[in-house]
Structures are given as C-alpha cells and as structure tokens.
Amino acid sequence: MNDLFLARYRTKLVILCLILMKSTLNFRPSFALTFALHSLLLLAMLVMASCSGGTGNGAATTNPETVRLDYAYYNPLSLVLKQQGWLEKDLAKQNIKVEWVLSQGSNKALEFLNGSSIDFGSTAGAAALIGRANGNPLKAIYIFSKPEWTALVTGANSTIKSVADLKGKRVAATKGTDPYIFLLRALDQAGLSEKDIELIPLQHADGRAALEKGDVDAWAGLDPHMAKAELESGAKLFYRNPDFNSYGVLNVRAVFAQQHPELVDRVLAAYEQARQWALAHPDDLKKTLATEAKLSESVAARQLERTSFANIYFGAPQVATITAAGDVLKKSGVIDQNIDVTKTVNELIDKSFASKLPTQKGTTAAK
C-alpha cells in the first residue's frame, strides 16, 4: 500500500463522511446531531492520520533524532567509523545525531538491541542466532569481518594439550558469545559437552584475568584480550579452528529497519567507507585499534593478522557456519529443542541491504 493509494483512500472517506452528514438533515434533530458529531470525530481522526505520514508498510517519514550504534574492540571497522566521523557528517544533513555505545561482547550487544538502547549492534553470527531464537527481534544485515577471534587458551605452564584434557577442568567463557559457542562446538567434536567441564561464566576481560591468576584452567578467549594474553603473559592457544568462528555481523533492530530503511542504507554505506579505508590503510588501522582499545601496536597487529575484511555478504559458507553452530546450540540446550534452526537462520539474515552496496575492489562476491 503506497502513499498515493492512502491519500486517495482518505479523500474518499472524507467525501463519504460529508455526504452522510448532509443526509442526516432529513432525520430528527437529536439523531442528526449525534451522527454529525461522530462524523466530525471520524473526519478529525482521518486528518490526523494524514498528517502523521504513516504508510501501510510500516515505514516512517519522520526521522529519529538520533541513530545509535555500538562500537566494539572485536569490530575494528566500528572503531574506524567512530573515529573518522563520516556517519555524523552524513546524517547531520538531516539534523540526525549519532550516538555510540561500547559493547564488551556479543551478549552485551544483543542485550542493548533487545532493550532498544542501540539500533545497530556488532555480534558473532552464531550469537545473533541465539538472540533471534530467544525472541530478540533483530536482523543480521552485513558481515564486517571474518575473524579468527576465538580459540581455547591455557596458561604458559599448563599441561592441557587437547580439548579432551578439559574434562573436569574449570573453563572460563562468556555465555551467548562466539567463544562460548566455539567451546561448545569443540567439546562436541571431542565427544564431550558442557556437563563434562566446570564452566565459569565471566566477561571476556575477566576471563583473561582469571586465566592469568590461575583461577581457571582454560579460557575461551576473544581478541583483542586473547592476543594480549598470548603476547604479554605467554598464554597458549592450544585449540584453534577458524571454521568454528562464526563471522562478525552487524545487526539492526527489525523495527528500525522496517521504519527507516534509507537510514540502514546510509549506515551500511558508512561501514563500507570504513572498510575500504581499513583495506587501504593497514598501518593506520592498527594504530586506530591500538588507540581505541588501549593496546600495544604489537597486540593490535596480532589481532588484525587473523582478521579478514574481504567479504560483506551472507553466502552459502556463512549460512552453513551459523546453521552448524545452531545445531550444536540446540543439542547443548542453549536453544530450545522446538526451534527450527534453518528457519530461524533464514529469518535472521536479511541480504537485501548489503546487496544494494556497490561491489568494491577487494570484495569477495556473494556465493
């Protein structure tokens, strides 16, 4: 239903009200007065609806005062975008402000999205799936990186050599994030489950600190904390599997995308500008990450060594990775047994916004 159709529909209703009001003159005065008042009320409601600019597809003609995005140390493009101010300059043309909120992990980004504290949030693909399966109304619209940002980590002097050695051990992880999901997949592959370990739920930075103090035997790490532990305390990444990392994805609140699709386009255009800048200026990207996350440049370099910005699209490999993670999450009881994982993944991913972006040099085509 478009605006022209609605305008014609409202006009016809107004004319009908006027005809009915005129026809009441033939009835007794009390009835005519009552009917006329009701008709005037309906007419006023129609005028108000017309002024509101609402449309049948849920899109709003009135822009929000502020667009709210998260920034995260595991999402270097968000740091570039925040530092450069490109989105602020673009949206200022329509008097729209930009607000930045720090996400310390996918679980926090999902919490902010669900509570409408942000409009756009950075998570792992599998973490977004957990959110969607649990009723968080979000859409995954863009891949900001293919990172190897998580692995299983032990202290420098640990005797743990394999995933099987984790049985009965204390393992730190942040629930609802890619490191936690990575841990579950690694355990499942080794014939174990979360019940075979003692899970210590800690946020990422606290997990690293617990490992370094010896309070836990292992940690499902996340960069840049993992790179920092590796370089500064000699921590060992004893189990790595890049294919178990479920991509860095940018999510948007579904209602926001429905009401302001043009603003989603502009946010993604700004993200593309940040990505192209990152690809063209690797040294400056390293400095940006080091400055914003308060890291040494060597730690920032280690994180970026295992991060690719080549693909922005959801293709078959990305869908397969997220779906495989969902199967293990369902098996582990993190996702309800009644959830159809494939259906939920399809509901989560919206390819329409990224598909409108021009294909840039160095971008992997969607498959």
Protein backbone atom coordinates (compact mmCIF):
# COMPACT_ATOMS: atom_id res chain seq x y z
CA MET A 1 0.00 0.00 0.00
CA ASN A 2 1.69 3.27 -1.11
CA ASP A 3 1.24 6.90 -0.16
CA LEU A 4 -0.80 7.76 -3.29
CA PHE A 5 -3.26 4.96 -2.58
CA LEU A 6 -3.64 6.09 1.04
CA ALA A 7 -4.21 9.70 0.01
CA ARG A 8 -6.99 8.66 -2.38
CA TYR A 9 -8.47 6.35 0.27
CA ARG A 10 -8.58 9.13 2.85
CA THR A 11 -10.11 11.56 0.36
CA LYS A 12 -12.92 9.14 -0.43
CA LEU A 13 -13.60 8.62 3.30
CA VAL A 14 -13.78 12.37 3.88
CA ILE A 15 -16.25 12.77 0.99
CA LEU A 16 -18.32 9.88 2.36
CA CYS A 17 -18.44 11.49 5.80
CA LEU A 18 -19.62 14.79 4.33
CA ILE A 19 -22.35 13.04 2.31
CA LEU A 20 -23.54 11.14 5.38
CA MET A 21 -23.53 14.31 7.47
CA LYS A 22 -25.67 16.05 4.85
CA SER A 23 -28.08 13.12 4.70
CA THR A 24 -28.76 13.33 8.44
CA LEU A 25 -30.61 16.61 7.91
CA ASN A 26 -33.65 14.52 6.94
CA PHE A 27 -33.73 12.77 10.36
CA ARG A 28 -34.94 14.02 13.70
CA PRO A 29 -32.70 16.72 15.23
CA SER A 30 -31.24 14.63 18.13
CA PHE A 31 -30.18 11.78 15.85
CA ALA A 32 -28.81 14.17 13.25
CA LEU A 33 -26.73 15.98 15.88
CA THR A 34 -25.27 12.74 17.28
CA PHE A 35 -24.44 11.38 13.86
CA ALA A 36 -22.88 14.68 12.80
CA LEU A 37 -20.65 14.76 15.88
CA HIS A 38 -19.49 11.17 15.22
CA SER A 39 -18.80 12.05 11.60
CA LEU A 40 -16.78 15.10 12.61
CA LEU A 41 -14.76 12.95 15.03
CA LEU A 42 -14.02 10.46 12.27
CA LEU A 43 -13.06 13.29 9.95
CA ALA A 44 -10.65 14.69 12.56
CA MET A 45 -9.06 11.26 13.00
CA LEU A 46 -8.56 10.98 9.25
CA VAL A 47 -6.89 14.40 9.13
CA MET A 48 -4.57 13.42 11.99
CA ALA A 49 -3.68 10.16 10.29
CA SER A 50 -2.97 12.05 7.09
CA CYS A 51 -0.66 14.46 8.91
CA SER A 52 1.23 11.62 10.63
CA GLY A 53 2.60 10.42 7.30
CA GLY A 54 2.23 6.76 8.22
CA THR A 55 2.31 4.17 5.47
CA GLY A 56 0.95 0.70 5.17
CA ASN A 57 4.39 -0.93 5.01
CA GLY A 58 5.47 0.44 8.40
CA ALA A 59 7.98 2.96 7.02
CA ALA A 60 8.10 6.30 8.82
CA THR A 61 8.56 9.64 7.08
CA THR A 62 9.78 11.24 10.31
CA ASN A 63 13.44 10.56 11.00
CA PRO A 64 14.66 9.75 14.51
CA GLU A 65 16.58 12.45 16.36
CA THR A 66 19.47 10.04 16.99
CA VAL A 67 20.82 6.89 15.39
CA ARG A 68 22.56 4.69 17.98
CA LEU A 69 25.34 2.28 17.12
CA ASP A 70 27.67 0.16 19.18
CA TYR A 71 31.41 0.11 18.86
CA ALA A 72 33.46 -2.88 19.94
CA TYR A 73 37.13 -3.77 20.13
CA TYR A 74 36.32 -7.01 18.29
CA ASN A 75 34.86 -4.91 15.45
CA PRO A 76 37.72 -2.73 14.14
CA LEU A 77 35.51 -1.15 11.47
CA SER A 78 33.27 0.31 14.16
CA LEU A 79 36.33 1.97 15.71
CA VAL A 80 37.33 3.48 12.36
CA LEU A 81 33.80 4.75 11.72
CA LYS A 82 33.57 6.25 15.20
CA GLN A 83 36.98 7.89 14.94
CA GLN A 84 36.54 9.33 11.44
CA GLY A 85 33.07 10.78 11.98
CA TRP A 86 31.83 10.06 8.45
CA LEU A 87 28.37 8.97 9.58
CA GLU A 88 27.96 12.05 11.76
CA LYS A 89 28.75 14.30 8.80
CA ASP A 90 26.30 12.48 6.54
CA LEU A 91 23.37 12.35 8.96
CA ALA A 92 23.90 15.94 10.09
CA LYS A 93 22.41 16.98 6.73
CA GLN A 94 19.06 15.84 8.16
CA ASN A 95 19.77 17.04 11.70
CA ILE A 96 20.20 13.45 12.92
CA LYS A 97 22.70 12.85 15.68
CA VAL A 98 24.85 9.74 16.12
CA GLU A 99 25.34 8.08 19.50
CA TRP A 100 27.99 5.43 20.21
CA VAL A 101 27.68 2.75 22.90
CA LEU A 102 30.50 0.36 23.86
CA SER A 103 29.72 -3.36 23.58
CA GLN A 104 32.03 -5.58 25.63
CA GLY A 105 30.79 -8.72 23.90
CA SER A 106 28.06 -10.14 21.67
CA ASN A 107 25.94 -10.82 24.72
CA LYS A 108 26.00 -7.13 25.63
CA ALA A 109 25.25 -6.03 22.08
CA LEU A 110 22.25 -8.37 21.99
CA GLU A 111 21.08 -7.04 25.34
CA PHE A 112 21.31 -3.45 24.05
CA LEU A 113 19.46 -4.32 20.84
CA ASN A 114 16.70 -6.15 22.67
CA GLY A 115 16.26 -3.22 25.05
CA SER A 116 16.30 -0.67 22.18
CA SER A 117 19.36 1.02 23.70
CA ILE A 118 21.02 0.79 20.29
CA ASP A 119 19.74 0.48 16.74
CA PHE A 120 22.80 -1.29 15.29
CA GLY A 121 24.90 -3.86 17.15
CA SER A 122 28.01 -5.96 16.46
CA THR A 123 27.91 -9.66 17.28
CA ALA A 124 29.13 -13.01 16.09
CA GLY A 125 26.78 -14.67 13.62
CA ALA A 126 26.02 -17.57 15.94
CA ALA A 127 25.38 -15.19 18.84
CA ALA A 128 22.86 -13.31 16.70
CA LEU A 129 21.17 -16.64 16.07
CA ILE A 130 20.82 -17.21 19.81
CA GLY A 131 19.24 -13.80 20.14
CA ARG A 132 16.79 -14.41 17.31
CA ALA A 133 15.89 -17.88 18.65
CA ASN A 134 15.17 -16.33 22.05
CA GLY A 135 12.80 -13.74 20.59
CA ASN A 136 15.18 -10.81 20.07
CA PRO A 137 13.71 -9.02 17.01
CA LEU A 138 16.88 -8.34 15.05
CA LYS A 139 18.15 -8.72 11.50
CA ALA A 140 21.72 -9.59 10.50
CA ILE A 141 22.45 -7.33 7.52
CA TYR A 142 26.21 -7.09 6.93
CA ILE A 143 29.42 -9.01 7.59
CA PHE A 144 32.06 -6.70 8.99
CA SER A 145 34.80 -9.34 9.25
CA LYS A 146 35.82 -12.96 9.01
CA PRO A 147 37.96 -13.23 12.10
CA GLU A 148 39.73 -15.97 13.90
CA TRP A 149 38.94 -14.08 17.05
CA THR A 150 38.44 -17.02 19.35
CA ALA A 151 40.37 -20.13 20.41
CA LEU A 152 40.79 -22.21 23.55
CA VAL A 153 43.56 -20.83 25.70
CA THR A 154 45.67 -22.06 28.62
CA GLY A 155 48.38 -20.53 30.73
CA ALA A 156 52.03 -20.73 29.74
CA ASN A 157 52.78 -23.63 32.10
CA SER A 158 49.58 -25.65 31.64
CA THR A 159 49.70 -29.36 30.86
CA ILE A 160 46.47 -29.17 28.85
CA LYS A 161 47.20 -30.13 25.25
CA SER A 162 43.82 -31.02 23.73
CA VAL A 163 40.10 -30.46 24.11
CA ALA A 164 39.80 -33.92 25.69
CA ASP A 165 42.08 -32.70 28.51
CA LEU A 166 39.40 -30.21 29.56
CA LYS A 167 37.28 -32.90 31.17
CA GLY A 168 36.71 -31.97 34.79
CA LYS A 169 38.56 -28.66 34.40
CA ARG A 170 37.46 -25.10 35.17
CA VAL A 171 36.92 -23.20 31.92
CA ALA A 172 36.03 -19.51 31.66
CA ALA A 173 33.72 -18.31 28.89
CA THR A 174 31.21 -15.55 28.23
CA LYS A 175 27.82 -17.11 27.63
CA GLY A 176 25.97 -16.05 24.50
CA THR A 177 29.16 -15.14 22.60
CA ASP A 178 31.25 -16.77 19.87
CA PRO A 179 33.96 -18.01 22.31
CA TYR A 180 31.29 -19.82 24.33
CA ILE A 181 29.76 -21.30 21.18
CA PHE A 182 33.27 -22.19 19.94
CA LEU A 183 33.85 -24.03 23.23
CA LEU A 184 30.60 -25.98 22.87
CA ARG A 185 31.47 -26.99 19.31
CA ALA A 186 34.98 -28.05 20.29
CA LEU A 187 33.64 -30.13 23.18
CA ASP A 188 31.02 -31.71 20.95
CA GLN A 189 33.64 -32.62 18.36
CA ALA A 190 35.69 -34.30 21.11
CA GLY A 191 32.69 -36.28 22.35
CA LEU A 192 32.19 -34.07 25.40
CA SER A 193 29.64 -31.48 26.47
CA GLU A 194 29.37 -28.56 28.86
CA LYS A 195 28.43 -31.05 31.58
CA ASP A 196 31.93 -32.55 31.40
CA ILE A 197 33.61 -29.29 32.46
CA GLU A 198 33.06 -26.68 35.15
CA LEU A 199 32.02 -23.60 33.23
CA ILE A 200 32.96 -20.32 34.89
CA PRO A 201 30.83 -17.56 33.30
CA LEU A 202 32.90 -14.39 33.03
CA GLN A 203 33.06 -11.45 30.63
CA HIS A 204 35.98 -11.66 28.21
CA ALA A 205 38.42 -9.38 30.05
CA ASP A 206 37.64 -11.08 33.36
CA GLY A 207 38.21 -14.48 31.78
CA ARG A 208 41.69 -13.45 30.69
CA ALA A 209 42.45 -12.12 34.16
CA ALA A 210 41.19 -15.34 35.77
CA LEU A 211 43.44 -17.41 33.49
CA GLU A 212 46.49 -15.30 34.26
CA LYS A 213 45.84 -15.54 38.02
CA GLY A 214 45.35 -19.31 37.81
CA ASP A 215 41.71 -19.17 38.91
CA VAL A 216 40.67 -21.23 35.87
CA ASP A 217 42.43 -23.95 33.90
CA ALA A 218 41.42 -22.70 30.46
CA TRP A 219 39.60 -19.87 28.78
CA ALA A 220 37.56 -19.50 25.61
CA GLY A 221 39.33 -16.34 24.51
CA LEU A 222 38.37 -13.39 22.37
CA ASP A 223 40.58 -10.85 20.62
CA PRO A 224 41.98 -8.43 21.48
CA HIS A 225 42.11 -9.90 25.00
CA MET A 226 43.35 -13.22 23.61
CA ALA A 227 46.13 -11.57 21.61
CA LYS A 228 47.11 -9.58 24.68
CA ALA A 229 47.32 -12.73 26.83
CA GLU A 230 49.26 -14.53 24.11
CA LEU A 231 51.90 -11.82 23.71
CA GLU A 232 52.12 -10.39 27.21
CA SER A 233 51.71 -13.41 29.50
CA GLY A 234 52.73 -16.27 27.23
CA ALA A 235 49.26 -17.83 27.06
CA LYS A 236 48.93 -20.74 24.63
CA LEU A 237 46.19 -21.17 22.04
CA PHE A 238 46.01 -24.95 22.36
CA TYR A 239 42.94 -25.43 20.16
CA ARG A 240 42.27 -23.35 17.05
CA ASN A 241 39.67 -23.86 14.34
CA PRO A 242 38.97 -20.86 12.09
CA ASP A 243 35.87 -22.56 10.66
CA PHE A 244 34.23 -22.56 14.11
CA ASN A 245 34.44 -18.74 14.22
CA SER A 246 31.02 -17.58 13.04
CA TYR A 247 31.86 -14.24 11.39
CA GLY A 248 31.41 -10.72 12.68
CA VAL A 249 27.95 -9.46 11.73
CA LEU A 250 26.23 -6.12 12.03
CA ASN A 251 22.65 -6.40 13.24
CA VAL A 252 19.80 -3.91 13.22
CA ARG A 253 16.60 -3.83 15.20
CA ALA A 254 13.92 -5.22 12.90
CA VAL A 255 11.51 -2.37 13.68
CA PHE A 256 14.17 0.22 12.88
CA ALA A 257 14.91 -1.47 9.54
CA GLN A 258 11.21 -1.54 8.71
CA GLN A 259 10.62 2.11 9.63
CA HIS A 260 13.88 3.63 8.37
CA PRO A 261 15.28 1.52 5.53
CA GLU A 262 17.01 4.55 3.99
CA LEU A 263 18.96 5.12 7.22
CA VAL A 264 20.04 1.48 7.22
CA ASP A 265 21.38 2.05 3.72
CA ARG A 266 23.34 5.07 4.88
CA VAL A 267 24.81 3.30 7.88
CA LEU A 268 25.99 0.46 5.65
CA ALA A 269 27.41 2.95 3.16
CA ALA A 270 29.42 4.46 6.02
CA TYR A 271 30.56 0.99 7.09
CA GLU A 272 31.70 0.36 3.53
CA GLN A 273 33.66 3.60 3.62
CA ALA A 274 35.33 2.42 6.83
CA ARG A 275 36.09 -0.99 5.33
CA GLN A 276 37.66 0.48 2.21
CA TRP A 277 39.72 2.82 4.37
CA ALA A 278 40.86 -0.12 6.53
CA LEU A 279 41.92 -2.12 3.47
CA ALA A 280 43.83 0.85 2.04
CA HIS A 281 45.46 1.95 5.32
CA PRO A 282 46.52 -1.16 7.31
CA ASP A 283 49.07 0.73 9.40
CA ASP A 284 46.57 3.42 10.32
CA LEU A 285 44.02 0.73 11.12
CA LYS A 286 46.49 -0.86 13.52
CA LYS A 287 47.05 2.49 15.21
CA THR A 288 43.31 3.12 15.45
CA LEU A 289 42.70 -0.26 17.09
CA ALA A 290 45.63 0.23 19.47
CA THR A 291 44.47 3.72 20.46
CA GLU A 292 40.76 2.99 20.87
CA ALA A 293 41.22 -0.35 22.68
CA LYS A 294 44.28 0.87 24.64
CA LEU A 295 46.52 -1.88 23.26
CA SER A 296 50.12 -2.02 22.25
CA GLU A 297 50.60 -1.93 18.49
CA SER A 298 52.00 -5.47 18.62
CA VAL A 299 48.78 -6.76 20.20
CA ALA A 300 46.67 -4.84 17.67
CA ALA A 301 48.79 -6.28 14.86
CA ARG A 302 48.29 -9.84 16.16
CA GLN A 303 44.50 -9.38 16.20
CA LEU A 304 44.47 -7.94 12.69
CA GLU A 305 46.70 -10.74 11.37
CA ARG A 306 43.81 -13.13 11.86
CA THR A 307 41.01 -10.82 10.66
CA SER A 308 39.78 -10.54 7.07
CA PHE A 309 37.61 -7.72 5.74
CA ALA A 310 37.26 -9.21 2.24
CA ASN A 311 33.60 -10.26 2.35
CA ILE A 312 30.48 -8.36 3.35
CA TYR A 313 27.79 -10.71 2.06
CA PHE A 314 25.88 -13.64 3.53
CA GLY A 315 26.53 -16.51 1.14
CA ALA A 316 26.37 -20.28 1.48
CA PRO A 317 29.55 -20.59 3.65
CA GLN A 318 28.31 -18.02 6.16
CA VAL A 319 24.83 -19.54 6.37
CA ALA A 320 26.33 -23.04 6.78
CA THR A 321 28.63 -21.92 9.60
CA ILE A 322 25.85 -20.20 11.55
CA THR A 323 23.47 -23.13 10.99
CA ALA A 324 26.07 -25.68 12.17
CA ALA A 325 26.62 -23.62 15.31
CA GLY A 326 22.85 -23.54 15.83
CA ASP A 327 22.65 -27.33 15.64
CA VAL A 328 25.22 -27.67 18.43
CA LEU A 329 23.50 -24.96 20.48
CA LYS A 330 20.24 -26.87 20.19
CA LYS A 331 21.95 -30.13 21.10
CA SER A 332 23.51 -28.43 24.14
CA GLY A 333 20.19 -27.00 25.30
CA VAL A 334 21.17 -23.36 24.73
CA ILE A 335 18.46 -23.10 22.06
CA ASP A 336 15.04 -24.59 22.73
CA GLN A 337 14.53 -28.05 21.24
CA ASN A 338 11.42 -26.85 19.41
CA ILE A 339 13.35 -24.24 17.44
CA ASP A 340 13.76 -24.90 13.73
CA VAL A 341 17.38 -23.80 13.28
CA THR A 342 17.30 -23.48 9.49
CA LYS A 343 14.08 -21.45 9.57
CA THR A 344 15.45 -19.20 12.31
CA VAL A 345 18.68 -18.58 10.39
CA ASN A 346 16.65 -17.61 7.32
CA GLU A 347 14.55 -15.24 9.43
CA LEU A 348 17.66 -13.73 10.99
CA ILE A 349 19.56 -12.93 7.81
CA ASP A 350 18.40 -10.09 5.56
CA LYS A 351 20.55 -9.86 2.43
CA SER A 352 18.63 -7.01 0.83
CA PHE A 353 20.59 -4.11 2.34
CA ALA A 354 24.13 -5.33 1.60
CA SER A 355 23.06 -6.36 -1.90
CA LYS A 356 22.47 -2.69 -2.73
CA LEU A 357 26.05 -1.71 -1.93
CA PRO A 358 28.34 -1.27 -4.93
CA THR A 359 30.91 -4.05 -5.24
CA GLN A 360 34.29 -2.58 -4.36
CA LYS A 361 37.79 -3.69 -5.24
CA GLY A 362 38.94 -6.42 -2.88
CA THR A 363 35.40 -7.52 -2.03
CA THR A 364 34.53 -11.18 -2.28
CA ALA A 365 31.33 -11.69 -4.25
CA ALA A 366 28.36 -13.33 -2.58
CA LYS A 367 28.02 -17.05 -3.20
